[in-house]
């Protein structure tokens, strides 16, 4: 309950404080590649429930028809504005609204697409879905996008086993340090 209250307060304040940045990013996406500005993707949340996760659109409109659900370095589907907003993680800001809606938390394992369930054992999948997914998580805080699938899985399951308010605060600090270029821990 305390975690949910913190999520609501922090996400609400963040939306208010970051509203100029949200509006500027939306304008940049619109000017750079038109509409839609937001990208909605089905992800799996707590209890295995599917929800629509929002991001600023960083890829061409028909990206799903042109390739897989994951991207690689130099992916030609990423727009010029998209490269910038991905590098700075601005594309993730609309997930604050997912936090407010209760689909996500500020900290937790990043939500998977349904197809990624095949990467887990039944026990690991159940454990992973026992907590609300996060805007940032242990894998993102420690390794950002350099994590291999195995490292991400291991760190996500470590978070599920060890999650606490103190760990959440550490993850938020590590994430902020990574985003500002001041290290990971």
Protein backbone atom coordinates (compact mmCIF):
# COMPACT_ATOMS: atom_id res chain seq x y z
CA UNK A 1 0.00 0.00 0.00
CA UNK A 2 2.84 2.40 0.84
CA UNK A 3 4.53 1.64 -2.48
CA UNK A 4 1.32 2.38 -4.40
CA UNK A 5 0.81 5.65 -2.52
CA UNK A 6 4.41 6.66 -3.26
CA UNK A 7 3.92 5.74 -6.94
CA UNK A 8 0.78 7.90 -7.16
CA UNK A 9 2.35 10.90 -5.46
CA UNK A 10 5.69 10.71 -7.28
CA UNK A 11 4.16 10.07 -10.72
CA UNK A 12 1.62 12.86 -10.22
CA UNK A 13 4.31 15.35 -9.23
CA UNK A 14 6.54 14.16 -12.08
CA UNK A 15 3.76 14.67 -14.64
CA UNK A 16 3.19 18.22 -13.36
CA UNK A 17 6.88 19.13 -13.25
CA UNK A 18 7.70 17.44 -16.55
CA UNK A 19 4.65 18.70 -18.47
CA UNK A 20 6.73 21.17 -20.55
CA UNK A 21 9.14 18.33 -21.42
CA UNK A 22 6.22 16.02 -22.24
CA UNK A 23 4.71 18.67 -24.51
CA UNK A 24 8.07 19.43 -26.17
CA UNK A 25 8.77 15.75 -26.81
CA UNK A 26 5.27 15.27 -28.24
CA UNK A 27 5.83 18.24 -30.55
CA UNK A 28 9.23 16.92 -31.67
CA UNK A 29 7.74 13.49 -32.50
CA UNK A 30 4.87 15.10 -34.39
CA UNK A 31 7.15 17.44 -36.38
CA UNK A 32 9.69 14.67 -37.00
CA UNK A 33 7.43 11.90 -38.21
CA UNK A 34 3.79 12.88 -37.86
CA UNK A 35 1.09 11.13 -35.92
CA UNK A 36 0.48 9.11 -33.90
CA UNK A 37 2.64 10.66 -31.22
CA UNK A 38 2.20 7.84 -28.75
CA UNK A 39 2.88 4.17 -29.29
CA UNK A 40 0.78 1.65 -27.37
CA UNK A 41 2.04 -1.88 -26.95
CA UNK A 42 0.42 -4.80 -25.14
CA UNK A 43 2.51 -5.81 -22.16
CA UNK A 44 2.03 -8.23 -19.27
CA UNK A 45 1.55 -6.85 -15.78
CA UNK A 46 0.95 -8.05 -12.26
CA UNK A 47 -1.01 -11.27 -12.09
CA UNK A 48 -0.36 -11.90 -15.79
CA UNK A 49 -2.91 -9.24 -16.77
CA UNK A 50 -2.29 -7.59 -20.14
CA UNK A 51 -2.37 -3.80 -20.45
CA UNK A 52 -1.45 -1.14 -22.99
CA UNK A 53 1.90 0.46 -22.17
CA UNK A 54 2.51 3.90 -23.63
CA UNK A 55 5.68 5.41 -25.03
CA UNK A 56 6.42 8.32 -27.31
CA UNK A 57 6.65 6.82 -30.79
CA UNK A 58 10.31 6.51 -31.75
CA UNK A 59 9.94 4.29 -34.81
CA UNK A 60 8.30 4.53 -38.20
CA UNK A 61 4.53 3.96 -38.18
CA UNK A 62 4.65 0.42 -39.63
CA UNK A 63 7.64 -0.76 -37.58
CA UNK A 64 5.89 -3.91 -36.35
CA UNK A 65 5.33 -5.04 -39.94
CA UNK A 66 9.00 -4.41 -40.77
CA UNK A 67 10.68 -6.35 -37.96
CA UNK A 68 10.67 -8.05 -34.55
CA UNK A 69 9.34 -6.72 -31.22
CA UNK A 70 12.88 -5.84 -30.11
CA UNK A 71 15.33 -3.43 -31.71
CA UNK A 72 19.02 -3.70 -32.43
CA UNK A 73 21.74 -1.10 -32.70
CA UNK A 74 21.29 0.92 -35.88
CA UNK A 75 17.74 -0.35 -36.44
CA UNK A 76 16.53 1.49 -39.60
CA UNK A 77 12.98 1.63 -38.21
CA UNK A 78 14.02 4.21 -35.59
CA UNK A 79 13.37 7.80 -36.65
CA UNK A 80 15.97 10.58 -36.15
CA UNK A 81 13.90 12.08 -33.30
CA UNK A 82 13.41 8.55 -32.02
CA UNK A 83 17.15 8.01 -31.68
CA UNK A 84 17.40 11.06 -29.44
CA UNK A 85 14.38 10.30 -27.26
CA UNK A 86 15.51 6.68 -26.82
CA UNK A 87 19.08 7.68 -25.91
CA UNK A 88 17.73 10.13 -23.31
CA UNK A 89 14.84 7.84 -22.23
CA UNK A 90 12.31 10.59 -23.01
CA UNK A 91 10.31 7.97 -24.92
CA UNK A 92 9.49 6.34 -21.57
CA UNK A 93 7.83 9.40 -19.96
CA UNK A 94 4.23 8.51 -20.97
CA UNK A 95 4.57 5.46 -18.71
CA UNK A 96 3.99 7.84 -15.82
CA UNK A 97 0.34 7.68 -16.90
CA UNK A 98 0.51 3.86 -16.72
CA UNK A 99 1.76 4.30 -13.14
CA UNK A 100 -1.13 6.62 -12.31
CA UNK A 101 -3.58 4.11 -13.84
CA UNK A 102 -2.16 1.31 -11.66
CA UNK A 103 -0.79 -0.81 -14.51
CA UNK A 104 2.82 -0.10 -13.55
CA UNK A 105 4.97 1.02 -10.65
CA UNK A 106 7.90 3.40 -10.80
CA UNK A 107 10.21 0.48 -9.94
CA UNK A 108 9.83 -3.17 -10.85
CA UNK A 109 10.80 -5.56 -13.62
CA UNK A 110 10.21 -3.98 -17.03
CA UNK A 111 6.94 -5.36 -18.44
CA UNK A 112 7.35 -8.05 -21.08
CA UNK A 113 5.37 -8.49 -24.28
CA UNK A 114 3.21 -11.65 -24.15
CA UNK A 115 5.55 -13.51 -26.55
CA UNK A 116 8.37 -13.27 -24.00
CA UNK A 117 6.55 -15.67 -21.67
CA UNK A 118 8.25 -18.49 -23.60
CA UNK A 119 11.60 -17.35 -22.14
CA UNK A 120 10.55 -18.32 -18.60
CA UNK A 121 9.82 -21.47 -16.67
CA UNK A 122 6.31 -21.57 -15.18
CA UNK A 123 7.71 -20.82 -11.71
CA UNK A 124 9.83 -17.88 -12.94
CA UNK A 125 6.89 -16.45 -14.91
CA UNK A 126 4.63 -16.69 -11.87
CA UNK A 127 7.27 -14.99 -9.71
CA UNK A 128 7.83 -12.25 -12.27
CA UNK A 129 4.11 -11.56 -12.50
CA UNK A 130 3.75 -11.42 -8.71
CA UNK A 131 4.84 -7.77 -8.64
CA UNK A 132 3.73 -4.73 -10.60
CA UNK A 133 6.11 -4.02 -13.52
CA UNK A 134 8.14 -0.83 -13.41
CA UNK A 135 9.18 2.16 -15.47
CA UNK A 136 12.68 1.26 -14.35
CA UNK A 137 14.06 -1.87 -12.76
CA UNK A 138 17.21 -3.46 -11.47
CA UNK A 139 18.40 -4.47 -14.95
CA UNK A 140 17.90 -0.95 -16.33
CA UNK A 141 19.56 0.66 -13.32
CA UNK A 142 22.63 -1.55 -13.44
CA UNK A 143 23.04 -2.35 -17.14
CA UNK A 144 20.58 -0.08 -19.02
CA UNK A 145 20.03 -1.54 -22.49
CA UNK A 146 23.35 -3.42 -22.51
CA UNK A 147 21.83 -6.31 -20.53
CA UNK A 148 21.58 -9.64 -22.30
CA UNK A 149 18.24 -11.48 -22.10
CA UNK A 150 19.74 -13.82 -19.50
CA UNK A 151 21.09 -10.95 -17.37
CA UNK A 152 17.76 -9.13 -17.53
CA UNK A 153 15.85 -12.26 -16.53
CA UNK A 154 18.22 -12.91 -13.64
CA UNK A 155 18.04 -9.31 -12.37
CA UNK A 156 14.24 -9.21 -12.74
CA UNK A 157 13.91 -12.37 -10.65
CA UNK A 158 16.43 -11.02 -8.11
CA UNK A 159 14.24 -7.92 -7.76
CA UNK A 160 11.14 -10.07 -7.21
CA UNK A 161 12.93 -11.99 -4.43
CA UNK A 162 14.49 -8.95 -2.74
CA UNK A 163 12.17 -6.00 -3.42
CA UNK A 164 11.84 -3.42 -0.68
CA UNK A 165 11.39 0.32 -0.31
CA UNK A 166 15.14 0.69 0.23
CA UNK A 167 15.94 -1.28 -2.94
CA UNK A 168 13.41 0.79 -4.89
CA UNK A 169 15.09 4.01 -3.71
CA UNK A 170 18.52 2.65 -4.69
CA UNK A 171 17.21 1.65 -8.13
CA UNK A 172 15.76 5.13 -8.69
CA UNK A 173 19.08 6.73 -7.69
CA UNK A 174 21.08 4.34 -9.89
CA UNK A 175 18.72 4.99 -12.81
CA UNK A 176 19.05 8.75 -12.37
CA UNK A 177 22.84 8.42 -12.24
CA UNK A 178 22.86 6.36 -15.45
CA UNK A 179 20.62 8.89 -17.22
CA UNK A 180 22.83 11.79 -16.17
CA UNK A 181 26.02 9.93 -17.05
CA UNK A 182 27.30 9.78 -13.47
CA UNK A 183 27.64 6.02 -13.16
CA UNK A 184 25.46 3.17 -12.02
CA UNK A 185 26.04 2.77 -8.30
